[in-house]
C-alpha atoms as a PDB file:
ATOM      1  CA  MET A   1      80.100  86.649 115.145  1.00  0.00           C
ATOM      2  CA  MET A   2      77.224  88.739 113.821  1.00  0.00           C
ATOM      3  CA  PRO A   3      77.720  90.248 110.374  1.00  0.00           C
ATOM      4  CA  ARG A   4      77.891  94.009 110.148  1.00  0.00           C
ATOM      5  CA  LYS A   5      74.592  95.326 108.847  1.00  0.00           C
ATOM      6  CA  PHE A   6      75.370  99.042 108.517  1.00  0.00           C
ATOM      7  CA  ARG A   7      71.709  99.845 109.236  1.00  0.00           C
ATOM      8  CA  LYS A   8      70.680  98.655 105.775  1.00  0.00           C
ATOM      9  CA  LEU A   9      68.324  96.018 104.458  1.00  0.00           C
ATOM     10  CA  ARG A  10      69.873  92.977 102.796  1.00  0.00           C
ATOM     11  CA  GLY A  11      69.660  94.131  99.170  1.00  0.00           C
ATOM     12  CA  LYS A  12      70.945  97.617  99.849  1.00  0.00           C
ATOM     13  CA  ARG A  13      73.741  96.217 102.037  1.00  0.00           C
ATOM     14  CA  ILE A  14      74.903  93.845  99.280  1.00  0.00           C
ATOM     15  CA  SER A  15      74.884  96.701  96.760  1.00  0.00           C
ATOM     16  CA  PHE A  16      76.737  98.968  99.190  1.00  0.00           C
ATOM     17  CA  LEU A  17      79.485  96.396  99.822  1.00  0.00           C
ATOM     18  CA  LYS A  18      79.793  95.671  96.095  1.00  0.00           C
ATOM     19  CA  ALA A  19      80.301  99.389  95.452  1.00  0.00           C
ATOM     20  CA  LEU A  20      82.949  99.615  98.200  1.00  0.00           C
ATOM     21  CA  ALA A  21      84.780  96.598  96.754  1.00  0.00           C
ATOM     22  CA  ASN A  22      84.603  98.133  93.276  1.00  0.00           C
ATOM     23  CA  ASN A  23      86.096 101.418  94.509  1.00  0.00           C
ATOM     24  CA  LEU A  24      88.911  99.661  96.356  1.00  0.00           C
ATOM     25  CA  ILE A  25      89.839  97.478  93.382  1.00  0.00           C
ATOM     26  CA  MET A  26      89.740 100.326  90.873  1.00  0.00           C
ATOM     27  CA  LYS A  27      91.716 102.805  92.999  1.00  0.00           C
ATOM     28  CA  GLY A  28      93.937 100.396  94.964  1.00  0.00           C
ATOM     29  CA  LYS A  29      93.534 102.415  98.164  1.00  0.00           C
ATOM     30  CA  MET A  30      90.658 104.118  99.953  1.00  0.00           C
ATOM     31  CA  GLN A  31      89.848 105.932 103.175  1.00  0.00           C
ATOM     32  CA  THR A  32      86.726 104.865 105.035  1.00  0.00           C
ATOM     33  CA  THR A  33      85.454 104.057 108.519  1.00  0.00           C
ATOM     34  CA  GLU A  34      86.986 101.187 110.502  1.00  0.00           C
ATOM     35  CA  PRO A  35      83.914  98.882 110.439  1.00  0.00           C
ATOM     36  CA  ARG A  36      83.577  99.325 106.676  1.00  0.00           C
ATOM     37  CA  ALA A  37      87.292  98.663 106.212  1.00  0.00           C
ATOM     38  CA  LYS A  38      87.139  95.457 108.249  1.00  0.00           C
ATOM     39  CA  GLU A  39      84.112  94.188 106.338  1.00  0.00           C
ATOM     40  CA  ILE A  40      85.487  95.040 102.919  1.00  0.00           C
ATOM     41  CA  ARG A  41      88.847  93.382 103.677  1.00  0.00           C
ATOM     42  CA  VAL A  42      87.171  90.016 104.252  1.00  0.00           C
ATOM     43  CA  ARG A  43      85.198  90.230 101.018  1.00  0.00           C
ATOM     44  CA  VAL A  44      87.968  91.499  98.736  1.00  0.00           C
ATOM     45  CA  GLU A  45      90.540  89.003 100.039  1.00  0.00           C
ATOM     46  CA  LYS A  46      88.164  86.159  99.154  1.00  0.00           C
ATOM     47  CA  LEU A  47      87.762  87.646  95.674  1.00  0.00           C
ATOM     48  CA  VAL A  48      91.553  87.883  95.217  1.00  0.00           C
ATOM     49  CA  THR A  49      91.929  84.244  96.272  1.00  0.00           C
ATOM     50  CA  LEU A  50      89.263  83.305  93.734  1.00  0.00           C
ATOM     51  CA  ALA A  51      90.976  85.340  91.000  1.00  0.00           C
ATOM     52  CA  LYS A  52      94.345  83.673  91.715  1.00  0.00           C
ATOM     53  CA  LYS A  53      93.004  80.375  90.341  1.00  0.00           C
ATOM     54  CA  GLN A  54      93.150  81.917  86.835  1.00  0.00           C
ATOM     55  CA  ASN A  55      90.492  79.710  85.244  1.00  0.00           C
ATOM     56  CA  GLN A  56      87.286  80.377  83.344  1.00  0.00           C
ATOM     57  CA  ALA A  57      85.020  79.480  86.259  1.00  0.00           C
ATOM     58  CA  SER A  58      86.697  81.929  88.623  1.00  0.00           C
ATOM     59  CA  LEU A  59      86.469  84.726  86.034  1.00  0.00           C
ATOM     60  CA  ARG A  60      82.748  84.097  85.614  1.00  0.00           C
ATOM     61  CA  LEU A  61      82.228  84.142  89.383  1.00  0.00           C
ATOM     62  CA  LEU A  62      84.083  87.454  89.597  1.00  0.00           C
ATOM     63  CA  LEU A  63      81.938  88.906  86.822  1.00  0.00           C
ATOM     64  CA  ALA A  64      78.833  87.847  88.744  1.00  0.00           C
ATOM     65  CA  ARG A  65      80.046  89.442  91.974  1.00  0.00           C
ATOM     66  CA  LEU A  66      81.657  92.669  90.696  1.00  0.00           C
ATOM     67  CA  PRO A  67      81.179  95.201  87.909  1.00  0.00           C
ATOM     68  CA  LYS A  68      82.959  94.133  84.717  1.00  0.00           C
ATOM     69  CA  SER A  69      85.796  96.677  84.882  1.00  0.00           C
ATOM     70  CA  ALA A  70      86.663  95.756  88.484  1.00  0.00           C
ATOM     71  CA  ALA A  71      86.445  92.019  87.778  1.00  0.00           C
ATOM     72  CA  MET A  72      88.784  92.327  84.792  1.00  0.00           C
ATOM     73  CA  LYS A  73      91.298  94.454  86.694  1.00  0.00           C
ATOM     74  CA  LEU A  74      91.268  92.017  89.621  1.00  0.00           C
ATOM     75  CA  TYR A  75      91.670  88.963  87.376  1.00  0.00           C
ATOM     76  CA  TYR A  76      94.309  90.288  84.958  1.00  0.00           C
ATOM     77  CA  GLU A  77      96.308  92.842  86.993  1.00  0.00           C
ATOM     78  CA  ILE A  78      95.927  92.365  90.753  1.00  0.00           C
ATOM     79  CA  ALA A  79      95.687  88.582  91.214  1.00  0.00           C
ATOM     80  CA  PRO A  80      98.894  87.729  89.281  1.00  0.00           C
ATOM     81  CA  ARG A  81     100.875  89.960  91.688  1.00  0.00           C
ATOM     82  CA  TYR A  82      99.837  87.732  94.596  1.00  0.00           C
ATOM     83  CA  GLN A  83     100.395  84.254  93.083  1.00  0.00           C
ATOM     84  CA  GLU A  84     103.138  83.420  95.598  1.00  0.00           C
ATOM     85  CA  ARG A  85     101.323  84.955  98.576  1.00  0.00           C
ATOM     86  CA  SER A  86      98.970  82.724 100.573  1.00  0.00           C
ATOM     87  CA  GLY A  87      96.802  85.479 102.062  1.00  0.00           C
ATOM     88  CA  GLY A  88      96.822  88.912 103.629  1.00  0.00           C
ATOM     89  CA  TYR A  89      96.474  90.921 100.428  1.00  0.00           C
ATOM     90  CA  LEU A  90      95.042  94.028 102.112  1.00  0.00           C
ATOM     91  CA  ARG A  91      96.363  96.287 104.856  1.00  0.00           C
ATOM     92  CA  ILE A  92      94.186  98.376 107.174  1.00  0.00           C
ATOM     93  CA  THR A  93      95.881 101.386 108.731  1.00  0.00           C
ATOM     94  CA  LYS A  94      93.928 103.137 111.456  1.00  0.00           C
ATOM     95  CA  LEU A  95      94.289 106.894 111.131  1.00  0.00           C
ATOM     96  CA  GLY A  96      93.499 107.808 114.730  1.00  0.00           C
ATOM     97  CA  LYS A  97      91.341 110.707 113.647  1.00  0.00           C
ATOM     98  CA  ARG A  98      87.580 111.001 113.613  1.00  0.00           C
ATOM     99  CA  ARG A  99      85.198 112.216 110.964  1.00  0.00           C
ATOM    100  CA  LYS A 100      83.799 115.636 111.838  1.00  0.00           C
ATOM    101  CA  ARG A 101      80.087 115.095 111.392  1.00  0.00           C
ATOM    102  CA  ASP A 102      79.642 111.864 113.371  1.00  0.00           C
ATOM    103  CA  ALA A 103      83.023 111.194 115.034  1.00  0.00           C
ATOM    104  CA  ALA A 104      83.461 107.841 113.251  1.00  0.00           C
ATOM    105  CA  LEU A 105      86.994 106.405 113.432  1.00  0.00           C
ATOM    106  CA  GLN A 106      88.773 106.498 110.072  1.00  0.00           C
ATOM    107  CA  ALA A 107      91.024 103.925 108.415  1.00  0.00           C
ATOM    108  CA  VAL A 108      92.854 103.450 105.123  1.00  0.00           C
ATOM    109  CA  VAL A 109      92.503 100.164 103.232  1.00  0.00           C
ATOM    110  CA  GLU A 110      95.134  99.356 100.584  1.00  0.00           C
ATOM    111  CA  PHE A 111      96.636  96.446  98.728  1.00  0.00           C
ATOM    112  CA  VAL A 112      99.957  95.280 100.179  1.00  0.00           C
END
């Protein structure tokens, strides 16, 4: 499967996805397009699994991959809620409506 590129060069794409992950973690729920939602779910679920280990190495990896405030919230608040859960931390709900300017399908991404 080809990764979604979102018409961006590698560096800008990494920054873009980091910003989306940051917004989702800080707010807990966000509305975006379906392709963005599907891409961000994969990345954030891996970060939650990493945070569930609750050790120094995983915290340092989170700090390297996310802004400090998002990494701390994920490590201390979100990950402990999912200790008993083995996966599927995020839910994507398709809204069935399109964005006005470009008719992109919309979806809501939220923590379960």
